[in-house]
Amino acid sequence: VQLVESGGGLVQPGGSLRLSCAASGIPFGISTMGWYRQAPGK
């Protein structure tokens, strides 16, 4: 499995971003995909 994210960065409050994740090594069309996040200390 290889997952490569892109699209992060610095944005002002109220702004927008789009994250992308390109996958390989899995049957993508039948896999469940998710986004998680981890803040410092959490």
PDB file of all heavy atoms in Angstrom:
ATOM      1  N   VAL A   1       0.836  -1.189   0.000  1.00  0.00           N
ATOM      2  CA  VAL A   1       0.000   0.000   0.000  1.00  0.00           C
ATOM      3  C   VAL A   1       0.881   1.252   0.000  1.00  0.00           C
ATOM      4  O   VAL A   1       1.829   1.360   0.769  1.00  0.00           O
ATOM      5  CB  VAL A   1      -0.899   0.037   1.250  1.00  0.00           C
ATOM      6  CG1 VAL A   1      -1.773   1.288   1.239  1.00  0.00           C
ATOM      7  CG2 VAL A   1      -1.745  -1.222   1.335  1.00  0.00           C
ATOM      8  N   GLN A   2       0.535   2.187  -0.864  1.00  0.00           N
ATOM      9  CA  GLN A   2       1.211   3.475  -0.852  1.00  0.00           C
ATOM     10  C   GLN A   2       0.172   4.573  -0.994  1.00  0.00           C
ATOM     11  O   GLN A   2      -0.634   4.556  -1.924  1.00  0.00           O
ATOM     12  CB  GLN A   2       2.246   3.584  -1.967  1.00  0.00           C
ATOM     13  CG  GLN A   2       3.090   4.840  -1.892  1.00  0.00           C
ATOM     14  CD  GLN A   2       4.268   4.826  -2.858  1.00  0.00           C
ATOM     15  OE1 GLN A   2       4.305   4.045  -3.803  1.00  0.00           O
ATOM     16  NE2 GLN A   2       5.229   5.710  -2.606  1.00  0.00           N
ATOM     17  N   LEU A   3       0.186   5.498  -0.037  1.00  0.00           N
ATOM     18  CA  LEU A   3      -0.727   6.625  -0.040  1.00  0.00           C
ATOM     19  C   LEU A   3       0.104   7.896   0.033  1.00  0.00           C
ATOM     20  O   LEU A   3       0.910   8.053   0.948  1.00  0.00           O
ATOM     21  CB  LEU A   3      -1.679   6.554   1.153  1.00  0.00           C
ATOM     22  CG  LEU A   3      -2.505   5.276   1.292  1.00  0.00           C
ATOM     23  CD1 LEU A   3      -3.289   5.285   2.603  1.00  0.00           C
ATOM     24  CD2 LEU A   3      -3.453   5.112   0.115  1.00  0.00           C
ATOM     25  N   VAL A   4      -0.113   8.788  -0.903  1.00  0.00           N
ATOM     26  CA  VAL A   4       0.682  10.017  -0.959  1.00  0.00           C
ATOM     27  C   VAL A   4      -0.256  11.210  -0.915  1.00  0.00           C
ATOM     28  O   VAL A   4      -1.043  11.444  -1.833  1.00  0.00           O
ATOM     29  CB  VAL A   4       1.543  10.070  -2.236  1.00  0.00           C
ATOM     30  CG1 VAL A   4       2.347  11.364  -2.264  1.00  0.00           C
ATOM     31  CG2 VAL A   4       2.469   8.861  -2.300  1.00  0.00           C
ATOM     32  N   GLU A   5      -0.163  11.965   0.198  1.00  0.00           N
ATOM     33  CA  GLU A   5      -1.017  13.146   0.375  1.00  0.00           C
ATOM     34  C   GLU A   5      -0.341  14.389  -0.197  1.00  0.00           C
ATOM     35  O   GLU A   5       0.893  14.483  -0.241  1.00  0.00           O
ATOM     36  CB  GLU A   5      -1.308  13.403   1.859  1.00  0.00           C
ATOM     37  CG  GLU A   5      -1.997  12.278   2.585  1.00  0.00           C
ATOM     38  CD  GLU A   5      -1.065  11.552   3.533  1.00  0.00           C
ATOM     39  OE1 GLU A   5       0.151  11.537   3.261  1.00  0.00           O
ATOM     40  OE2 GLU A   5      -1.551  11.004   4.540  1.00  0.00           O
ATOM     41  N   SER A   6      -1.171  15.336  -0.557  1.00  0.00           N
ATOM     42  CA  SER A   6      -0.682  16.643  -0.985  1.00  0.00           C
ATOM     43  C   SER A   6      -1.775  17.667  -0.740  1.00  0.00           C
ATOM     44  O   SER A   6      -2.936  17.308  -0.506  1.00  0.00           O
ATOM     45  CB  SER A   6      -0.287  16.623  -2.464  1.00  0.00           C
ATOM     46  OG  SER A   6      -1.389  16.298  -3.273  1.00  0.00           O
ATOM     47  N   GLY A   7      -1.384  18.937  -0.778  1.00  0.00           N
ATOM     48  CA  GLY A   7      -2.366  20.002  -0.679  1.00  0.00           C
ATOM     49  C   GLY A   7      -2.416  20.749   0.634  1.00  0.00           C
ATOM     50  O   GLY A   7      -3.171  21.707   0.775  1.00  0.00           O
ATOM     51  N   GLY A   8      -1.643  20.314   1.609  1.00  0.00           N
ATOM     52  CA  GLY A   8      -1.634  21.029   2.877  1.00  0.00           C
ATOM     53  C   GLY A   8      -0.911  22.351   2.765  1.00  0.00           C
ATOM     54  O   GLY A   8      -0.331  22.685   1.732  1.00  0.00           O
ATOM     55  N   GLY A   9      -0.970  23.125   3.850  1.00  0.00           N
ATOM     56  CA  GLY A   9      -0.290  24.406   3.850  1.00  0.00           C
ATOM     57  C   GLY A   9      -0.841  25.333   4.905  1.00  0.00           C
ATOM     58  O   GLY A   9      -1.578  24.913   5.801  1.00  0.00           O
ATOM     59  N   LEU A  10      -0.483  26.602   4.761  1.00  0.00           N
ATOM     60  CA  LEU A  10      -0.928  27.643   5.677  1.00  0.00           C
ATOM     61  C   LEU A  10      -2.089  28.403   5.037  1.00  0.00           C
ATOM     62  O   LEU A  10      -1.995  28.829   3.878  1.00  0.00           O
ATOM     63  CB  LEU A  10       0.222  28.602   5.964  1.00  0.00           C
ATOM     64  CG  LEU A  10      -0.091  29.861   6.786  1.00  0.00           C
ATOM     65  CD1 LEU A  10      -0.546  29.487   8.189  1.00  0.00           C
ATOM     66  CD2 LEU A  10       1.121  30.778   6.817  1.00  0.00           C
ATOM     67  N   VAL A  11      -3.149  28.571   5.801  1.00  0.00           N
ATOM     68  CA  VAL A  11      -4.325  29.277   5.294  1.00  0.00           C
ATOM     69  C   VAL A  11      -4.900  30.127   6.412  1.00  0.00           C
ATOM     70  O   VAL A  11      -4.795  29.764   7.597  1.00  0.00           O
ATOM     71  CB  VAL A  11      -5.365  28.281   4.743  1.00  0.00           C
ATOM     72  CG1 VAL A  11      -5.886  27.364   5.836  1.00  0.00           C
ATOM     73  CG2 VAL A  11      -6.502  28.981   4.036  1.00  0.00           C
ATOM     74  N   GLN A  12      -5.505  31.239   6.059  1.00  0.00           N
ATOM     75  CA  GLN A  12      -6.118  32.106   7.062  1.00  0.00           C
ATOM     76  C   GLN A  12      -7.462  31.549   7.513  1.00  0.00           C
ATOM     77  O   GLN A  12      -8.117  30.816   6.756  1.00  0.00           O
ATOM     78  CB  GLN A  12      -6.309  33.503   6.487  1.00  0.00           C
ATOM     79  CG  GLN A  12      -5.006  34.240   6.220  1.00  0.00           C
ATOM     80  CD  GLN A  12      -5.238  35.679   5.811  1.00  0.00           C
ATOM     81  OE1 GLN A  12      -6.340  36.043   5.400  1.00  0.00           O
ATOM     82  NE2 GLN A  12      -4.218  36.506   5.940  1.00  0.00           N
ATOM     83  N   PRO A  13      -7.875  31.891   8.710  1.00  0.00           N
ATOM     84  CA  PRO A  13      -9.218  31.467   9.157  1.00  0.00           C
ATOM     85  C   PRO A  13     -10.275  31.899   8.158  1.00  0.00           C
ATOM     86  O   PRO A  13     -10.245  33.007   7.633  1.00  0.00           O
ATOM     87  CB  PRO A  13      -9.365  32.198  10.498  1.00  0.00           C
ATOM     88  CG  PRO A  13      -7.977  32.369  10.990  1.00  0.00           C
ATOM     89  CD  PRO A  13      -7.148  32.613   9.760  1.00  0.00           C
ATOM     90  N   GLY A  14     -11.205  30.977   7.909  1.00  0.00           N
ATOM     91  CA  GLY A  14     -12.243  31.222   6.918  1.00  0.00           C
ATOM     92  C   GLY A  14     -11.867  30.803   5.510  1.00  0.00           C
ATOM     93  O   GLY A  14     -12.725  30.786   4.618  1.00  0.00           O
ATOM     94  N   GLY A  15     -10.619  30.464   5.306  1.00  0.00           N
ATOM     95  CA  GLY A  15     -10.150  30.063   3.993  1.00  0.00           C
ATOM     96  C   GLY A  15     -10.448  28.606   3.674  1.00  0.00           C
ATOM     97  O   GLY A  15     -11.111  27.902   4.448  1.00  0.00           O
ATOM     98  N   SER A  16      -9.947  28.179   2.517  1.00  0.00           N
ATOM     99  CA  SER A  16     -10.202  26.819   2.034  1.00  0.00           C
ATOM    100  C   SER A  16      -8.900  26.152   1.582  1.00  0.00           C
ATOM    101  O   SER A  16      -7.951  26.832   1.178  1.00  0.00           O
ATOM    102  CB  SER A  16     -11.166  26.855   0.840  1.00  0.00           C
ATOM    103  OG  SER A  16     -12.414  27.387   1.210  1.00  0.00           O
ATOM    104  N   LEU A  17      -8.915  24.835   1.666  1.00  0.00           N
ATOM    105  CA  LEU A  17      -7.846  24.014   1.128  1.00  0.00           C
ATOM    106  C   LEU A  17      -8.456  22.737   0.585  1.00  0.00           C
ATOM    107  O   LEU A  17      -9.502  22.301   1.080  1.00  0.00           O
ATOM    108  CB  LEU A  17      -6.816  23.635   2.207  1.00  0.00           C
ATOM    109  CG  LEU A  17      -5.739  24.632   2.621  1.00  0.00           C
ATOM    110  CD1 LEU A  17      -4.919  24.059   3.775  1.00  0.00           C
ATOM    111  CD2 LEU A  17      -4.843  25.007   1.461  1.00  0.00           C
ATOM    112  N   ARG A  18      -7.793  22.135  -0.392  1.00  0.00           N
ATOM    113  CA  ARG A  18      -8.199  20.815  -0.854  1.00  0.00           C
ATOM    114  C   ARG A  18      -7.008  19.875  -0.739  1.00  0.00           C
ATOM    115  O   ARG A  18      -5.953  20.115  -1.334  1.00  0.00           O
ATOM    116  CB  ARG A  18      -8.699  20.836  -2.298  1.00  0.00           C
ATOM    117  CG  ARG A  18      -9.315  19.502  -2.698  1.00  0.00           C
ATOM    118  CD  ARG A  18      -9.917  19.503  -4.080  1.00  0.00           C
ATOM    119  NE  ARG A  18      -8.922  19.298  -5.133  1.00  0.00           N
ATOM    120  CZ  ARG A  18      -9.189  18.749  -6.308  1.00  0.00           C
ATOM    121  NH1 ARG A  18     -10.417  18.359  -6.585  1.00  0.00           N
ATOM    122  NH2 ARG A  18      -8.235  18.619  -7.204  1.00  0.00           N
ATOM    123  N   LEU A  19      -7.216  18.824   0.027  1.00  0.00           N
ATOM    124  CA  LEU A  19      -6.206  17.781   0.161  1.00  0.00           C
ATOM    125  C   LEU A  19      -6.472  16.680  -0.853  1.00  0.00           C
ATOM    126  O   LEU A  19      -7.624  16.381  -1.164  1.00  0.00           O
ATOM    127  CB  LEU A  19      -6.220  17.189   1.570  1.00  0.00           C
ATOM    128  CG  LEU A  19      -6.065  18.164   2.734  1.00  0.00           C
ATOM    129  CD1 LEU A  19      -6.029  17.391   4.056  1.00  0.00           C
ATOM    130  CD2 LEU A  19      -4.839  19.031   2.574  1.00  0.00           C
ATOM    131  N   SER A  20      -5.392  16.086  -1.331  1.00  0.00           N
ATOM    132  CA  SER A  20      -5.489  14.950  -2.247  1.00  0.00           C
ATOM    133  C   SER A  20      -4.666  13.794  -1.705  1.00  0.00           C
ATOM    134  O   SER A  20      -3.660  14.002  -1.026  1.00  0.00           O
ATOM    135  CB  SER A  20      -4.954  15.329  -3.635  1.00  0.00           C
ATOM    136  OG  SER A  20      -5.677  16.402  -4.196  1.00  0.00           O
ATOM    137  N   CYS A  21      -5.103  12.594  -2.018  1.00  0.00           N
ATOM    138  CA  CYS A  21      -4.368  11.395  -1.616  1.00  0.00           C
ATOM    139  C   CYS A  21      -4.401  10.423  -2.784  1.00  0.00           C
ATOM    140  O   CYS A  21      -5.477   9.920  -3.136  1.00  0.00           O
ATOM    141  CB  CYS A  21      -4.985  10.779  -0.376  1.00  0.00           C
ATOM    142  SG  CYS A  21      -4.308   9.147   0.063  1.00  0.00           S
ATOM    143  N   ALA A  22      -3.234  10.176  -3.352  1.00  0.00           N
ATOM    144  CA  ALA A  22      -3.111   9.233  -4.462  1.00  0.00           C
ATOM    145  C   ALA A  22      -2.722   7.873  -3.907  1.00  0.00           C
ATOM    146  O   ALA A  22      -1.737   7.756  -3.168  1.00  0.00           O
ATOM    147  CB  ALA A  22      -2.071   9.730  -5.449  1.00  0.00           C
ATOM    148  N   ALA A  23      -3.482   6.854  -4.268  1.00  0.00           N
ATOM    149  CA  ALA A  23      -3.279   5.516  -3.728  1.00  0.00           C
ATOM    150  C   ALA A  23      -2.754   4.565  -4.794  1.00  0.00           C
ATOM    151  O   ALA A  23      -3.086   4.678  -5.976  1.00  0.00           O
ATOM    152  CB  ALA A  23      -4.593   4.972  -3.163  1.00  0.00           C
ATOM    153  N   SER A  24      -1.945   3.614  -4.352  1.00  0.00           N
ATOM    154  CA  SER A  24      -1.491   2.528  -5.217  1.00  0.00           C
ATOM    155  C   SER A  24      -1.313   1.287  -4.369  1.00  0.00           C
ATOM    156  O   SER A  24      -1.196   1.353  -3.145  1.00  0.00           O
ATOM    157  CB  SER A  24      -0.187   2.901  -5.925  1.00  0.00           C
ATOM    158  OG  SER A  24       0.839   3.159  -4.992  1.00  0.00           O
ATOM    159  N   GLY A  25      -1.338   0.133  -5.043  1.00  0.00           N
ATOM    160  CA  GLY A  25      -1.135  -1.120  -4.322  1.00  0.00           C
ATOM    161  C   GLY A  25      -2.369  -1.696  -3.670  1.00  0.00           C
ATOM    162  O   GLY A  25      -2.281  -2.674  -2.923  1.00  0.00           O
ATOM    163  N   ILE A  26      -3.534  -1.077  -3.907  1.00  0.00           N
ATOM    164  CA  ILE A  26      -4.790  -1.561  -3.327  1.00  0.00           C
ATOM    165  C   ILE A  26      -5.871  -1.555  -4.404  1.00  0.00           C
ATOM    166  O   ILE A  26      -5.758  -0.833  -5.397  1.00  0.00           O
ATOM    167  CB  ILE A  26      -5.272  -0.687  -2.146  1.00  0.00           C
ATOM    168  CG1 ILE A  26      -5.468   0.775  -2.588  1.00  0.00           C
ATOM    169  CG2 ILE A  26      -4.311  -0.778  -0.976  1.00  0.00           C
ATOM    170  CD1 ILE A  26      -6.143   1.644  -1.537  1.00  0.00           C
ATOM    171  N   PRO A  27      -6.921  -2.365  -4.206  1.00  0.00           N
ATOM    172  CA  PRO A  27      -8.080  -2.285  -5.113  1.00  0.00           C
ATOM    173  C   PRO A  27      -8.896  -1.044  -4.761  1.00  0.00           C
ATOM    174  O   PRO A  27      -9.892  -1.113  -4.045  1.00  0.00           O
ATOM    175  CB  PRO A  27      -8.827  -3.576  -4.817  1.00  0.00           C
ATOM    176  CG  PRO A  27      -8.496  -3.884  -3.388  1.00  0.00           C
ATOM    177  CD  PRO A  27      -7.092  -3.410  -3.182  1.00  0.00           C
ATOM    178  N   PHE A  28      -8.475   0.097  -5.283  1.00  0.00           N
ATOM    179  CA  PHE A  28      -8.992   1.377  -4.814  1.00  0.00           C
ATOM    180  C   PHE A  28     -10.507   1.465  -4.909  1.00  0.00           C
ATOM    181  O   PHE A  28     -11.173   1.926  -3.982  1.00  0.00           O
ATOM    182  CB  PHE A  28      -8.354   2.507  -5.631  1.00  0.00           C
ATOM    183  CG  PHE A  28      -8.755   3.880  -5.178  1.00  0.00           C
ATOM    184  CD1 PHE A  28      -8.095   4.485  -4.127  1.00  0.00           C
ATOM    185  CD2 PHE A  28      -9.799   4.560  -5.805  1.00  0.00           C
ATOM    186  CE1 PHE A  28      -8.464   5.751  -3.691  1.00  0.00           C
ATOM    187  CE2 PHE A  28     -10.171   5.821  -5.381  1.00  0.00           C
ATOM    188  CZ  PHE A  28      -9.507   6.419  -4.319  1.00  0.00           C
ATOM    189  N   GLY A  29     -11.057   1.014  -5.999  1.00  0.00           N
ATOM    190  CA  GLY A  29     -12.485   1.196  -6.228  1.00  0.00           C
ATOM    191  C   GLY A  29     -13.378   0.527  -5.199  1.00  0.00           C
ATOM    192  O   GLY A  29     -14.530   0.931  -5.017  1.00  0.00           O
ATOM    193  N   ILE A  30     -12.880  -0.493  -4.510  1.00  0.00           N
ATOM    194  CA  ILE A  30     -13.693  -1.194  -3.517  1.00  0.00           C
ATOM    195  C   ILE A  30     -13.167  -0.991  -2.100  1.00  0.00           C
ATOM    196  O   ILE A  30     -13.626  -1.632  -1.161  1.00  0.00           O
ATOM    197  CB  ILE A  30     -13.795  -2.707  -3.822  1.00  0.00           C
ATOM    198  CG1 ILE A  30     -12.400  -3.353  -3.873  1.00  0.00           C
ATOM    199  CG2 ILE A  30     -14.539  -2.942  -5.128  1.00  0.00           C
ATOM    200  CD1 ILE A  30     -12.442  -4.879  -3.983  1.00  0.00           C
ATOM    201  N   SER A  31     -12.212  -0.092  -1.948  1.00  0.00           N
ATOM    202  CA  SER A  31     -11.647   0.179  -0.625  1.00  0.00           C
ATOM    203  C   SER A  31     -12.326   1.384   0.020  1.00  0.00           C
ATOM    204  O   SER A  31     -12.767   2.304  -0.675  1.00  0.00           O
ATOM    205  CB  SER A  31     -10.145   0.455  -0.727  1.00  0.00           C
ATOM    206  OG  SER A  31      -9.445  -0.690  -1.175  1.00  0.00           O
ATOM    207  N   THR A  32     -12.394   1.354   1.321  1.00  0.00           N
ATOM    208  CA  THR A  32     -12.864   2.507   2.086  1.00  0.00           C
ATOM    209  C   THR A  32     -11.681   3.439   2.318  1.00  0.00           C
ATOM    210  O   THR A  32     -10.613   3.000   2.767  1.00  0.00           O
ATOM    211  CB  THR A  32     -13.458   2.075   3.429  1.00  0.00           C
ATOM    212  OG1 THR A  32     -14.625   1.280   3.183  1.00  0.00           O
ATOM    213  CG2 THR A  32     -13.850   3.277   4.268  1.00  0.00           C
ATOM    214  N   MET A  33     -11.887   4.700   2.012  1.00  0.00           N
ATOM    215  CA  MET A  33     -10.830   5.693   2.150  1.00  0.00           C
ATOM    216  C   MET A  33     -11.247   6.722   3.203  1.00  0.00           C
ATOM    217  O   MET A  33     -12.435   7.079   3.306  1.00  0.00           O
ATOM    218  CB  MET A  33     -10.576   6.404   0.828  1.00  0.00           C
ATOM    219  CG  MET A  33     -10.204   5.476  -0.309  1.00  0.00           C
ATOM    220  SD  MET A  33      -8.670   4.566  -0.020  1.00  0.00           S
ATOM    221  CE  MET A  33      -7.480   5.915   0.071  1.00  0.00           C
ATOM    222  N   GLY A  34     -10.278   7.194   3.945  1.00  0.00           N
ATOM    223  CA  GLY A  34     -10.607   8.151   5.000  1.00  0.00           C
ATOM    224  C   GLY A  34      -9.516   9.183   5.197  1.00  0.00           C
ATOM    225  O   GLY A  34      -8.381   9.022   4.739  1.00  0.00           O
ATOM    226  N   TRP A  35      -9.907  10.251   5.860  1.00  0.00           N
ATOM    227  CA  TRP A  35      -8.980  11.287   6.304  1.00  0.00           C
ATOM    228  C   TRP A  35      -9.062  11.373   7.823  1.00  0.00           C
ATOM    229  O   TRP A  35     -10.148  11.439   8.386  1.00  0.00           O
ATOM    230  CB  TRP A  35      -9.331  12.638   5.696  1.00  0.00           C
ATOM    231  CG  TRP A  35      -9.013  12.750   4.237  1.00  0.00           C
ATOM    232  CD1 TRP A  35      -9.872  12.585   3.192  1.00  0.00           C
ATOM    233  CD2 TRP A  35      -7.745  13.075   3.670  1.00  0.00           C
ATOM    234  NE1 TRP A  35      -9.215  12.763   2.007  1.00  0.00           N
ATOM    235  CE2 TRP A  35      -7.900  13.073   2.272  1.00  0.00           C
ATOM    236  CE3 TRP A  35      -6.483  13.370   4.194  1.00  0.00           C
ATOM    237  CZ2 TRP A  35      -6.850  13.349   1.395  1.00  0.00           C
ATOM    238  CZ3 TRP A  35      -5.442  13.649   3.323  1.00  0.00           C
ATOM    239  CH2 TRP A  35      -5.627  13.639   1.945  1.00  0.00           C
ATOM    240  N   TYR A  36      -7.909  11.372   8.452  1.00  0.00           N
ATOM    241  CA  TYR A  36      -7.776  11.539   9.886  1.00  0.00           C
ATOM    242  C   TYR A  36      -6.892  12.762  10.130  1.00  0.00           C
ATOM    243  O   TYR A  36      -6.179  13.212   9.236  1.00  0.00           O
ATOM    244  CB  TYR A  36      -7.127  10.314  10.524  1.00  0.00           C
ATOM    245  CG  TYR A  36      -7.990   9.088  10.558  1.00  0.00           C
ATOM    246  CD1 TYR A  36      -8.300   8.379   9.400  1.00  0.00           C
ATOM    247  CD2 TYR A  36      -8.505   8.606  11.769  1.00  0.00           C
ATOM    248  CE1 TYR A  36      -9.099   7.249   9.430  1.00  0.00           C
ATOM    249  CE2 TYR A  36      -9.292   7.469  11.822  1.00  0.00           C
ATOM    250  CZ  TYR A  36      -9.583   6.794  10.650  1.00  0.00           C
ATOM    251  OH  TYR A  36     -10.368   5.669  10.695  1.00  0.00           O
ATOM    252  N   ARG A  37      -6.930  13.262  11.359  1.00  0.00           N
ATOM    253  CA  ARG A  37      -6.018  14.346  11.702  1.00  0.00           C
ATOM    254  C   ARG A  37      -5.526  14.161  13.129  1.00  0.00           C
ATOM    255  O   ARG A  37      -6.197  13.532  13.966  1.00  0.00           O
ATOM    256  CB  ARG A  37      -6.690  15.711  11.558  1.00  0.00           C
ATOM    257  CG  ARG A  37      -7.836  15.969  12.525  1.00  0.00           C
ATOM    258  CD  ARG A  37      -8.538  17.270  12.188  1.00  0.00           C
ATOM    259  NE  ARG A  37      -9.683  17.492  13.078  1.00  0.00           N
ATOM    260  CZ  ARG A  37     -10.603  18.420  12.864  1.00  0.00           C
ATOM    261  NH1 ARG A  37     -10.535  19.223  11.789  1.00  0.00           N
ATOM    262  NH2 ARG A  37     -11.603  18.572  13.715  1.00  0.00           N
ATOM    263  N   GLN A  38      -4.348  14.727  13.355  1.00  0.00           N
ATOM    264  CA  GLN A  38      -3.772  14.672  14.695  1.00  0.00           C
ATOM    265  C   GLN A  38      -3.139  16.010  15.007  1.00  0.00           C
ATOM    266  O   GLN A  38      -2.192  16.438  14.339  1.00  0.00           O
ATOM    267  CB  GLN A  38      -2.732  13.549  14.798  1.00  0.00           C
ATOM    268  CG  GLN A  38      -2.218  13.331  16.203  1.00  0.00           C
ATOM    269  CD  GLN A  38      -1.434  12.039  16.348  1.00  0.00           C
ATOM    270  OE1 GLN A  38      -0.958  11.455  15.375  1.00  0.00           O
ATOM    271  NE2 GLN A  38      -1.314  11.561  17.579  1.00  0.00           N
ATOM    272  N   ALA A  39      -3.691  16.668  16.014  1.00  0.00           N
ATOM    273  CA  ALA A  39      -3.148  17.932  16.482  1.00  0.00           C
ATOM    274  C   ALA A  39      -2.108  17.657  17.566  1.00  0.00           C
ATOM    275  O   ALA A  39      -2.136  16.591  18.202  1.00  0.00           O
ATOM    276  CB  ALA A  39      -4.268  18.806  17.034  1.00  0.00           C
ATOM    277  N   PRO A  40      -1.208  18.588  17.807  1.00  0.00           N
ATOM    278  CA  PRO A  40      -0.177  18.375  18.832  1.00  0.00           C
ATOM    279  C   PRO A  40      -0.783  18.041  20.192  1.00  0.00           C
ATOM    280  O   PRO A  40      -1.704  18.729  20.658  1.00  0.00           O
ATOM    281  CB  PRO A  40       0.552  19.722  18.869  1.00  0.00           C
ATOM    282  CG  PRO A  40       0.350  20.295  17.514  1.00  0.00           C
ATOM    283  CD  PRO A  40      -1.025  19.860  17.099  1.00  0.00           C
ATOM    284  N   GLY A  41      -0.307  16.967  20.794  1.00  0.00           N
ATOM    285  CA  GLY A  41      -0.782  16.573  22.113  1.00  0.00           C
ATOM    286  C   GLY A  41      -2.128  15.892  22.141  1.00  0.00           C
ATOM    287  O   GLY A  41      -2.668  15.626  23.225  1.00  0.00           O
ATOM    288  N   LYS A  42      -2.685  15.620  20.955  1.00  0.00           N
ATOM    289  CA  LYS A  42      -4.011  14.995  20.900  1.00  0.00           C
ATOM    290  C   LYS A  42      -3.950  13.675  20.144  1.00  0.00           C
ATOM    291  O   LYS A  42      -3.008  13.399  19.407  1.00  0.00           O
ATOM    292  CB  LYS A  42      -5.011  15.941  20.236  1.00  0.00           C
ATOM    293  CG  LYS A  42      -5.270  17.218  21.030  1.00  0.00           C
ATOM    294  CD  LYS A  42      -6.421  18.007  20.450  1.00  0.00           C
ATOM    295  CE  LYS A  42      -6.724  19.225  21.304  1.00  0.00           C
ATOM    296  NZ  LYS A  42      -7.876  19.997  20.764  1.00  0.00           N
TER     297      LYS A  42
END
